[in-house]
Amino acid sequence: MNFVYEFVLGISLAASLGPLFLAVLQIVANYGVFAGFQFFLGSWITDIIFIFLALFGFEQIVKLPIFKLVLGYFGTTLLFYLAYKSFK
């Protein structure tokens, strides 16, 4: 009995209603199951990439001065663009 309870609890927590789940439901309703699967697969691959970057030394890349410079310019440009769009 304990296993069944823990299994149901684990499944219910793993399949929680979040933004990804709702986006997949919307895509499936509008474009079909295959499009929903493609969307979910893209999200899953992105998650795997982030996990591997975190596990295998993304810290070493962040410590590089050129990375900080490029990220700073990119972030500044993005913020200016968003400010421009909000006042337009």
PDB file of N, CA and C in Angstrom:
ATOM      1  N   MET A   1       0.823  -1.198   0.000  1.00  0.00           N
ATOM      2  CA  MET A   1       0.000   0.000   0.000  1.00  0.00           C
ATOM      3  C   MET A   1       0.860   1.252   0.000  1.00  0.00           C
ATOM      4  N   ASN A   2       1.969   1.217   0.677  1.00  0.00           N
ATOM      5  CA  ASN A   2       2.851   2.366   0.753  1.00  0.00           C
ATOM      6  C   ASN A   2       3.444   2.698  -0.619  1.00  0.00           C
ATOM      7  N   PHE A   3       3.806   1.667  -1.395  1.00  0.00           N
ATOM      8  CA  PHE A   3       4.375   1.880  -2.717  1.00  0.00           C
ATOM      9  C   PHE A   3       3.369   2.573  -3.639  1.00  0.00           C
ATOM     10  N   VAL A   4       2.131   2.136  -3.598  1.00  0.00           N
ATOM     11  CA  VAL A   4       1.102   2.715  -4.464  1.00  0.00           C
ATOM     12  C   VAL A   4       0.903   4.190  -4.124  1.00  0.00           C
ATOM     13  N   TYR A   5       0.844   4.499  -2.835  1.00  0.00           N
ATOM     14  CA  TYR A   5       0.685   5.887  -2.414  1.00  0.00           C
ATOM     15  C   TYR A   5       1.849   6.748  -2.893  1.00  0.00           C
ATOM     16  N   GLU A   6       3.075   6.255  -2.707  1.00  0.00           N
ATOM     17  CA  GLU A   6       4.257   7.013  -3.125  1.00  0.00           C
ATOM     18  C   GLU A   6       4.330   7.149  -4.641  1.00  0.00           C
ATOM     19  N   PHE A   7       3.921   6.105  -5.354  1.00  0.00           N
ATOM     20  CA  PHE A   7       3.927   6.164  -6.812  1.00  0.00           C
ATOM     21  C   PHE A   7       2.934   7.212  -7.318  1.00  0.00           C
ATOM     22  N   VAL A   8       1.723   7.196  -6.789  1.00  0.00           N
ATOM     23  CA  VAL A   8       0.705   8.161  -7.204  1.00  0.00           C
ATOM     24  C   VAL A   8       1.133   9.573  -6.833  1.00  0.00           C
ATOM     25  N   LEU A   9       1.727   9.738  -5.664  1.00  0.00           N
ATOM     26  CA  LEU A   9       2.210  11.056  -5.257  1.00  0.00           C
ATOM     27  C   LEU A   9       3.322  11.543  -6.189  1.00  0.00           C
ATOM     28  N   GLY A  10       4.248  10.661  -6.529  1.00  0.00           N
ATOM     29  CA  GLY A  10       5.335  11.035  -7.439  1.00  0.00           C
ATOM     30  C   GLY A  10       4.840  11.415  -8.816  1.00  0.00           C
ATOM     31  N   ILE A  11       3.899  10.662  -9.348  1.00  0.00           N
ATOM     32  CA  ILE A  11       3.341  10.973 -10.673  1.00  0.00           C
ATOM     33  C   ILE A  11       2.579  12.292 -10.639  1.00  0.00           C
ATOM     34  N   SER A  12       1.818  12.512  -9.577  1.00  0.00           N
ATOM     35  CA  SER A  12       1.049  13.756  -9.509  1.00  0.00           C
ATOM     36  C   SER A  12       1.953  14.972  -9.372  1.00  0.00           C
ATOM     37  N   LEU A  13       3.080  14.828  -8.687  1.00  0.00           N
ATOM     38  CA  LEU A  13       4.009  15.955  -8.574  1.00  0.00           C
ATOM     39  C   LEU A  13       4.797  16.161  -9.864  1.00  0.00           C
ATOM     40  N   ALA A  14       5.114  15.075 -10.558  1.00  0.00           N
ATOM     41  CA  ALA A  14       5.873  15.195 -11.807  1.00  0.00           C
ATOM     42  C   ALA A  14       5.014  15.784 -12.920  1.00  0.00           C
ATOM     43  N   ALA A  15       3.716  15.537 -12.897  1.00  0.00           N
ATOM     44  CA  ALA A  15       2.825  16.024 -13.944  1.00  0.00           C
ATOM     45  C   ALA A  15       2.010  17.212 -13.454  1.00  0.00           C
ATOM     46  N   SER A  16       2.656  18.104 -12.745  1.00  0.00           N
ATOM     47  CA  SER A  16       1.935  19.247 -12.194  1.00  0.00           C
ATOM     48  C   SER A  16       1.572  20.240 -13.297  1.00  0.00           C
ATOM     49  N   LEU A  17       0.551  21.025 -13.035  1.00  0.00           N
ATOM     50  CA  LEU A  17       0.121  22.036 -13.993  1.00  0.00           C
ATOM     51  C   LEU A  17       1.060  23.228 -13.916  1.00  0.00           C
ATOM     52  N   GLY A  18       1.851  23.384 -14.929  1.00  0.00           N
ATOM     53  CA  GLY A  18       2.762  24.510 -14.998  1.00  0.00           C
ATOM     54  C   GLY A  18       2.634  25.172 -16.355  1.00  0.00           C
ATOM     55  N   PRO A  19       3.459  26.173 -16.611  1.00  0.00           N
ATOM     56  CA  PRO A  19       3.373  26.875 -17.891  1.00  0.00           C
ATOM     57  C   PRO A  19       3.670  25.971 -19.088  1.00  0.00           C
ATOM     58  N   LEU A  20       4.615  25.063 -18.939  1.00  0.00           N
ATOM     59  CA  LEU A  20       4.947  24.168 -20.054  1.00  0.00           C
ATOM     60  C   LEU A  20       3.781  23.237 -20.356  1.00  0.00           C
ATOM     61  N   PHE A  21       3.189  22.677 -19.323  1.00  0.00           N
ATOM     62  CA  PHE A  21       2.057  21.766 -19.509  1.00  0.00           C
ATOM     63  C   PHE A  21       0.900  22.478 -20.199  1.00  0.00           C
ATOM     64  N   LEU A  22       0.607  23.678 -19.762  1.00  0.00           N
ATOM     65  CA  LEU A  22      -0.493  24.431 -20.363  1.00  0.00           C
ATOM     66  C   LEU A  22      -0.175  24.841 -21.803  1.00  0.00           C
ATOM     67  N   ALA A  23       1.073  25.172 -22.074  1.00  0.00           N
ATOM     68  CA  ALA A  23       1.467  25.516 -23.449  1.00  0.00           C
ATOM     69  C   ALA A  23       1.346  24.296 -24.362  1.00  0.00           C
ATOM     70  N   VAL A  24       1.749  23.124 -23.867  1.00  0.00           N
ATOM     71  CA  VAL A  24       1.621  21.903 -24.664  1.00  0.00           C
ATOM     72  C   VAL A  24       0.147  21.603 -24.927  1.00  0.00           C
ATOM     73  N   LEU A  25      -0.702  21.760 -23.917  1.00  0.00           N
ATOM     74  CA  LEU A  25      -2.135  21.529 -24.121  1.00  0.00           C
ATOM     75  C   LEU A  25      -2.709  22.474 -25.180  1.00  0.00           C
ATOM     76  N   GLN A  26      -2.299  23.729 -25.140  1.00  0.00           N
ATOM     77  CA  GLN A  26      -2.789  24.694 -26.116  1.00  0.00           C
ATOM     78  C   GLN A  26      -2.319  24.342 -27.527  1.00  0.00           C
ATOM     79  N   ILE A  27      -1.064  23.950 -27.654  1.00  0.00           N
ATOM     80  CA  ILE A  27      -0.529  23.601 -28.971  1.00  0.00           C
ATOM     81  C   ILE A  27      -1.198  22.340 -29.500  1.00  0.00           C
ATOM     82  N   VAL A  28      -1.420  21.362 -28.626  1.00  0.00           N
ATOM     83  CA  VAL A  28      -2.101  20.140 -29.052  1.00  0.00           C
ATOM     84  C   VAL A  28      -3.524  20.458 -29.505  1.00  0.00           C
ATOM     85  N   ALA A  29      -4.195  21.332 -28.783  1.00  0.00           N
ATOM     86  CA  ALA A  29      -5.568  21.680 -29.151  1.00  0.00           C
ATOM     87  C   ALA A  29      -5.617  22.436 -30.476  1.00  0.00           C
ATOM     88  N   ASN A  30      -4.630  23.270 -30.734  1.00  0.00           N
ATOM     89  CA  ASN A  30      -4.647  24.088 -31.954  1.00  0.00           C
ATOM     90  C   ASN A  30      -4.034  23.396 -33.166  1.00  0.00           C
ATOM     91  N   TYR A  31      -2.945  22.643 -32.956  1.00  0.00           N
ATOM     92  CA  TYR A  31      -2.174  22.139 -34.094  1.00  0.00           C
ATOM     93  C   TYR A  31      -2.029  20.626 -34.147  1.00  0.00           C
ATOM     94  N   GLY A  32      -2.441  19.916 -33.111  1.00  0.00           N
ATOM     95  CA  GLY A  32      -2.370  18.463 -33.140  1.00  0.00           C
ATOM     96  C   GLY A  32      -1.309  17.903 -32.213  1.00  0.00           C
ATOM     97  N   VAL A  33      -1.351  16.589 -32.074  1.00  0.00           N
ATOM     98  CA  VAL A  33      -0.475  15.891 -31.135  1.00  0.00           C
ATOM     99  C   VAL A  33       0.986  15.981 -31.556  1.00  0.00           C
ATOM    100  N   PHE A  34       1.263  15.872 -32.856  1.00  0.00           N
ATOM    101  CA  PHE A  34       2.653  15.894 -33.305  1.00  0.00           C
ATOM    102  C   PHE A  34       3.311  17.236 -33.010  1.00  0.00           C
ATOM    103  N   ALA A  35       2.590  18.328 -33.200  1.00  0.00           N
ATOM    104  CA  ALA A  35       3.140  19.656 -32.897  1.00  0.00           C
ATOM    105  C   ALA A  35       3.387  19.802 -31.395  1.00  0.00           C
ATOM    106  N   GLY A  36       2.482  19.279 -30.581  1.00  0.00           N
ATOM    107  CA  GLY A  36       2.684  19.306 -29.131  1.00  0.00           C
ATOM    108  C   GLY A  36       3.894  18.503 -28.718  1.00  0.00           C
ATOM    109  N   PHE A  37       4.092  17.343 -29.373  1.00  0.00           N
ATOM    110  CA  PHE A  37       5.266  16.526 -29.082  1.00  0.00           C
ATOM    111  C   PHE A  37       6.541  17.258 -29.478  1.00  0.00           C
ATOM    112  N   GLN A  38       6.532  17.935 -30.612  1.00  0.00           N
ATOM    113  CA  GLN A  38       7.707  18.692 -31.041  1.00  0.00           C
ATOM    114  C   GLN A  38       8.034  19.803 -30.046  1.00  0.00           C
ATOM    115  N   PHE A  39       7.012  20.493 -29.578  1.00  0.00           N
ATOM    116  CA  PHE A  39       7.223  21.560 -28.598  1.00  0.00           C
ATOM    117  C   PHE A  39       7.804  21.002 -27.305  1.00  0.00           C
ATOM    118  N   PHE A  40       7.237  19.907 -26.818  1.00  0.00           N
ATOM    119  CA  PHE A  40       7.724  19.288 -25.594  1.00  0.00           C
ATOM    120  C   PHE A  40       9.150  18.784 -25.761  1.00  0.00           C
ATOM    121  N   LEU A  41       9.449  18.190 -26.914  1.00  0.00           N
ATOM    122  CA  LEU A  41      10.794  17.687 -27.171  1.00  0.00           C
ATOM    123  C   LEU A  41      11.813  18.818 -27.199  1.00  0.00           C
ATOM    124  N   GLY A  42      11.452  19.960 -27.780  1.00  0.00           N
ATOM    125  CA  GLY A  42      12.349  21.118 -27.785  1.00  0.00           C
ATOM    126  C   GLY A  42      12.616  21.617 -26.378  1.00  0.00           C
ATOM    127  N   SER A  43      11.600  21.651 -25.555  1.00  0.00           N
ATOM    128  CA  SER A  43      11.779  22.073 -24.165  1.00  0.00           C
ATOM    129  C   SER A  43      12.648  21.078 -23.406  1.00  0.00           C
ATOM    130  N   TRP A  44      12.444  19.803 -23.652  1.00  0.00           N
ATOM    131  CA  TRP A  44      13.223  18.769 -22.973  1.00  0.00           C
ATOM    132  C   TRP A  44      14.697  18.844 -23.369  1.00  0.00           C
ATOM    133  N   ILE A  45      14.969  19.043 -24.642  1.00  0.00           N
ATOM    134  CA  ILE A  45      16.358  19.146 -25.110  1.00  0.00           C
ATOM    135  C   ILE A  45      17.034  20.373 -24.501  1.00  0.00           C
ATOM    136  N   THR A  46      16.317  21.480 -24.418  1.00  0.00           N
ATOM    137  CA  THR A  46      16.864  22.686 -23.797  1.00  0.00           C
ATOM    138  C   THR A  46      17.190  22.439 -22.328  1.00  0.00           C
ATOM    139  N   ASP A  47      16.314  21.747 -21.621  1.00  0.00           N
ATOM    140  CA  ASP A  47      16.582  21.417 -20.218  1.00  0.00           C
ATOM    141  C   ASP A  47      17.832  20.549 -20.083  1.00  0.00           C
ATOM    142  N   ILE A  48      17.980  19.571 -20.967  1.00  0.00           N
ATOM    143  CA  ILE A  48      19.157  18.700 -20.932  1.00  0.00           C
ATOM    144  C   ILE A  48      20.434  19.503 -21.178  1.00  0.00           C
ATOM    145  N   ILE A  49      20.398  20.431 -22.125  1.00  0.00           N
ATOM    146  CA  ILE A  49      21.571  21.274 -22.407  1.00  0.00           C
ATOM    147  C   ILE A  49      21.942  22.096 -21.176  1.00  0.00           C
ATOM    148  N   PHE A  50      20.949  22.701 -20.521  1.00  0.00           N
ATOM    149  CA  PHE A  50      21.227  23.489 -19.319  1.00  0.00           C
ATOM    150  C   PHE A  50      21.789  22.630 -18.199  1.00  0.00           C
ATOM    151  N   ILE A  51      21.292  21.419 -18.060  1.00  0.00           N
ATOM    152  CA  ILE A  51      21.804  20.514 -17.021  1.00  0.00           C
ATOM    153  C   ILE A  51      23.259  20.174 -17.292  1.00  0.00           C
ATOM    154  N   PHE A  52      23.585  19.847 -18.546  1.00  0.00           N
ATOM    155  CA  PHE A  52      24.974  19.521 -18.869  1.00  0.00           C
ATOM    156  C   PHE A  52      25.898  20.729 -18.707  1.00  0.00           C
ATOM    157  N   LEU A  53      25.422  21.906 -19.068  1.00  0.00           N
ATOM    158  CA  LEU A  53      26.238  23.102 -18.851  1.00  0.00           C
ATOM    159  C   LEU A  53      26.498  23.322 -17.365  1.00  0.00           C
ATOM    160  N   ALA A  54      25.495  23.093 -16.554  1.00  0.00           N
ATOM    161  CA  ALA A  54      25.670  23.267 -15.110  1.00  0.00           C
ATOM    162  C   ALA A  54      26.597  22.213 -14.530  1.00  0.00           C
ATOM    163  N   LEU A  55      26.507  20.997 -15.031  1.00  0.00           N
ATOM    164  CA  LEU A  55      27.320  19.916 -14.481  1.00  0.00           C
ATOM    165  C   LEU A  55      28.774  19.963 -14.925  1.00  0.00           C
ATOM    166  N   PHE A  56      29.018  20.424 -16.138  1.00  0.00           N
ATOM    167  CA  PHE A  56      30.358  20.309 -16.697  1.00  0.00           C
ATOM    168  C   PHE A  56      31.080  21.638 -16.832  1.00  0.00           C
ATOM    169  N   GLY A  57      30.960  22.473 -15.848  1.00  0.00           N
ATOM    170  CA  GLY A  57      31.853  23.607 -15.756  1.00  0.00           C
ATOM    171  C   GLY A  57      31.445  24.865 -16.468  1.00  0.00           C
ATOM    172  N   PHE A  58      30.198  25.207 -16.448  1.00  0.00           N
ATOM    173  CA  PHE A  58      29.791  26.493 -17.000  1.00  0.00           C
ATOM    174  C   PHE A  58      30.440  27.628 -16.217  1.00  0.00           C
ATOM    175  N   GLU A  59      30.811  27.319 -14.982  1.00  0.00           N
ATOM    176  CA  GLU A  59      31.487  28.317 -14.146  1.00  0.00           C
ATOM    177  C   GLU A  59      32.804  28.768 -14.777  1.00  0.00           C
ATOM    178  N   GLN A  60      33.498  27.860 -15.426  1.00  0.00           N
ATOM    179  CA  GLN A  60      34.765  28.202 -16.065  1.00  0.00           C
ATOM    180  C   GLN A  60      34.557  29.172 -17.226  1.00  0.00           C
ATOM    181  N   ILE A  61      33.456  29.005 -17.940  1.00  0.00           N
ATOM    182  CA  ILE A  61      33.148  29.900 -19.054  1.00  0.00           C
ATOM    183  C   ILE A  61      32.767  31.280 -18.533  1.00  0.00           C
ATOM    184  N   VAL A  62      32.008  31.308 -17.458  1.00  0.00           N
ATOM    185  CA  VAL A  62      31.549  32.578 -16.906  1.00  0.00           C
ATOM    186  C   VAL A  62      32.714  33.402 -16.369  1.00  0.00           C
ATOM    187  N   LYS A  63      33.771  32.758 -15.929  1.00  0.00           N
ATOM    188  CA  LYS A  63      34.923  33.470 -15.377  1.00  0.00           C
ATOM    189  C   LYS A  63      35.758  34.168 -16.451  1.00  0.00           C
ATOM    190  N   LEU A  64      35.557  33.833 -17.717  1.00  0.00           N
ATOM    191  CA  LEU A  64      36.332  34.458 -18.787  1.00  0.00           C
ATOM    192  C   LEU A  64      35.924  35.923 -18.941  1.00  0.00           C
ATOM    193  N   PRO A  65      36.897  36.817 -19.058  1.00  0.00           N
ATOM    194  CA  PRO A  65      36.572  38.243 -19.204  1.00  0.00           C
ATOM    195  C   PRO A  65      35.774  38.564 -20.466  1.00  0.00           C
ATOM    196  N   ILE A  66      36.044  37.860 -21.566  1.00  0.00           N
ATOM    197  CA  ILE A  66      35.320  38.133 -22.807  1.00  0.00           C
ATOM    198  C   ILE A  66      33.855  37.769 -22.667  1.00  0.00           C
ATOM    199  N   PHE A  67      33.553  36.715 -21.907  1.00  0.00           N
ATOM    200  CA  PHE A  67      32.164  36.323 -21.696  1.00  0.00           C
ATOM    201  C   PHE A  67      31.411  37.411 -20.934  1.00  0.00           C
ATOM    202  N   LYS A  68      32.062  37.942 -19.900  1.00  0.00           N
ATOM    203  CA  LYS A  68      31.426  39.007 -19.124  1.00  0.00           C
ATOM    204  C   LYS A  68      31.194  40.247 -19.985  1.00  0.00           C
ATOM    205  N   LEU A  69      32.133  40.559 -20.858  1.00  0.00           N
ATOM    206  CA  LEU A  69      32.001  41.719 -21.730  1.00  0.00           C
ATOM    207  C   LEU A  69      30.850  41.537 -22.719  1.00  0.00           C
ATOM    208  N   VAL A  70      30.812  40.390 -23.382  1.00  0.00           N
ATOM    209  CA  VAL A  70      29.753  40.116 -24.362  1.00  0.00           C
ATOM    210  C   VAL A  70      28.393  40.074 -23.669  1.00  0.00           C
ATOM    211  N   LEU A  71      28.317  39.421 -22.522  1.00  0.00           N
ATOM    212  CA  LEU A  71      27.062  39.349 -21.789  1.00  0.00           C
ATOM    213  C   LEU A  71      26.610  40.734 -21.330  1.00  0.00           C
ATOM    214  N   GLY A  72      27.553  41.568 -20.934  1.00  0.00           N
ATOM    215  CA  GLY A  72      27.214  42.930 -20.527  1.00  0.00           C
ATOM    216  C   GLY A  72      26.663  43.751 -21.677  1.00  0.00           C
ATOM    217  N   TYR A  73      27.309  43.668 -22.842  1.00  0.00           N
ATOM    218  CA  TYR A  73      26.819  44.403 -24.006  1.00  0.00           C
ATOM    219  C   TYR A  73      25.459  43.875 -24.457  1.00  0.00           C
ATOM    220  N   PHE A  74      25.315  42.574 -24.466  1.00  0.00           N
ATOM    221  CA  PHE A  74      24.044  41.979 -24.868  1.00  0.00           C
ATOM    222  C   PHE A  74      22.923  42.388 -23.907  1.00  0.00           C
ATOM    223  N   GLY A  75      23.189  42.304 -22.618  1.00  0.00           N
ATOM    224  CA  GLY A  75      22.189  42.679 -21.617  1.00  0.00           C
ATOM    225  C   GLY A  75      21.816  44.143 -21.699  1.00  0.00           C
ATOM    226  N   THR A  76      22.810  45.001 -21.901  1.00  0.00           N
ATOM    227  CA  THR A  76      22.541  46.431 -22.029  1.00  0.00           C
ATOM    228  C   THR A  76      21.713  46.726 -23.267  1.00  0.00           C
ATOM    229  N   THR A  77      22.073  46.110 -24.382  1.00  0.00           N
ATOM    230  CA  THR A  77      21.314  46.298 -25.613  1.00  0.00           C
ATOM    231  C   THR A  77      19.881  45.814 -25.453  1.00  0.00           C
ATOM    232  N   LEU A  78      19.700  44.674 -24.822  1.00  0.00           N
ATOM    233  CA  LEU A  78      18.360  44.140 -24.605  1.00  0.00           C
ATOM    234  C   LEU A  78      17.530  45.070 -23.722  1.00  0.00           C
ATOM    235  N   LEU A  79      18.126  45.583 -22.656  1.00  0.00           N
ATOM    236  CA  LEU A  79      17.381  46.487 -21.779  1.00  0.00           C
ATOM    237  C   LEU A  79      17.011  47.791 -22.480  1.00  0.00           C
ATOM    238  N   PHE A  80      17.917  48.333 -23.272  1.00  0.00           N
ATOM    239  CA  PHE A  80      17.591  49.543 -24.032  1.00  0.00           C
ATOM    240  C   PHE A  80      16.481  49.271 -25.046  1.00  0.00           C
ATOM    241  N   TYR A  81      16.533  48.125 -25.687  1.00  0.00           N
ATOM    242  CA  TYR A  81      15.495  47.763 -26.650  1.00  0.00           C
ATOM    243  C   TYR A  81      14.140  47.636 -25.962  1.00  0.00           C
ATOM    244  N   LEU A  82      14.107  46.964 -24.815  1.00  0.00           N
ATOM    245  CA  LEU A  82      12.846  46.820 -24.089  1.00  0.00           C
ATOM    246  C   LEU A  82      12.320  48.156 -23.596  1.00  0.00           C
ATOM    247  N   ALA A  83      13.217  49.046 -23.169  1.00  0.00           N
ATOM    248  CA  ALA A  83      12.792  50.379 -22.749  1.00  0.00           C
ATOM    249  C   ALA A  83      12.235  51.157 -23.944  1.00  0.00           C
ATOM    250  N   TYR A  84      12.876  51.041 -25.082  1.00  0.00           N
ATOM    251  CA  TYR A  84      12.395  51.724 -26.286  1.00  0.00           C
ATOM    252  C   TYR A  84      11.003  51.226 -26.677  1.00  0.00           C
ATOM    253  N   LYS A  85      10.819  49.884 -26.640  1.00  0.00           N
ATOM    254  CA  LYS A  85       9.528  49.310 -27.005  1.00  0.00           C
ATOM    255  C   LYS A  85       8.441  49.689 -26.013  1.00  0.00           C
ATOM    256  N   SER A  86       8.785  49.860 -24.749  1.00  0.00           N
ATOM    257  CA  SER A  86       7.766  50.183 -23.757  1.00  0.00           C
ATOM    258  C   SER A  86       7.308  51.643 -23.859  1.00  0.00           C
ATOM    259  N   PHE A  87       8.188  52.536 -24.327  1.00  0.00           N
ATOM    260  CA  PHE A  87       7.812  53.939 -24.474  1.00  0.00           C
ATOM    261  C   PHE A  87       7.270  54.280 -25.851  1.00  0.00           C
ATOM    262  N   LYS A  88       7.368  53.364 -26.770  1.00  0.00           N
ATOM    263  CA  LYS A  88       6.922  53.599 -28.147  1.00  0.00           C
ATOM    264  C   LYS A  88       5.427  53.596 -28.255  1.00  0.00           C
TER     265      LYS A  88
END
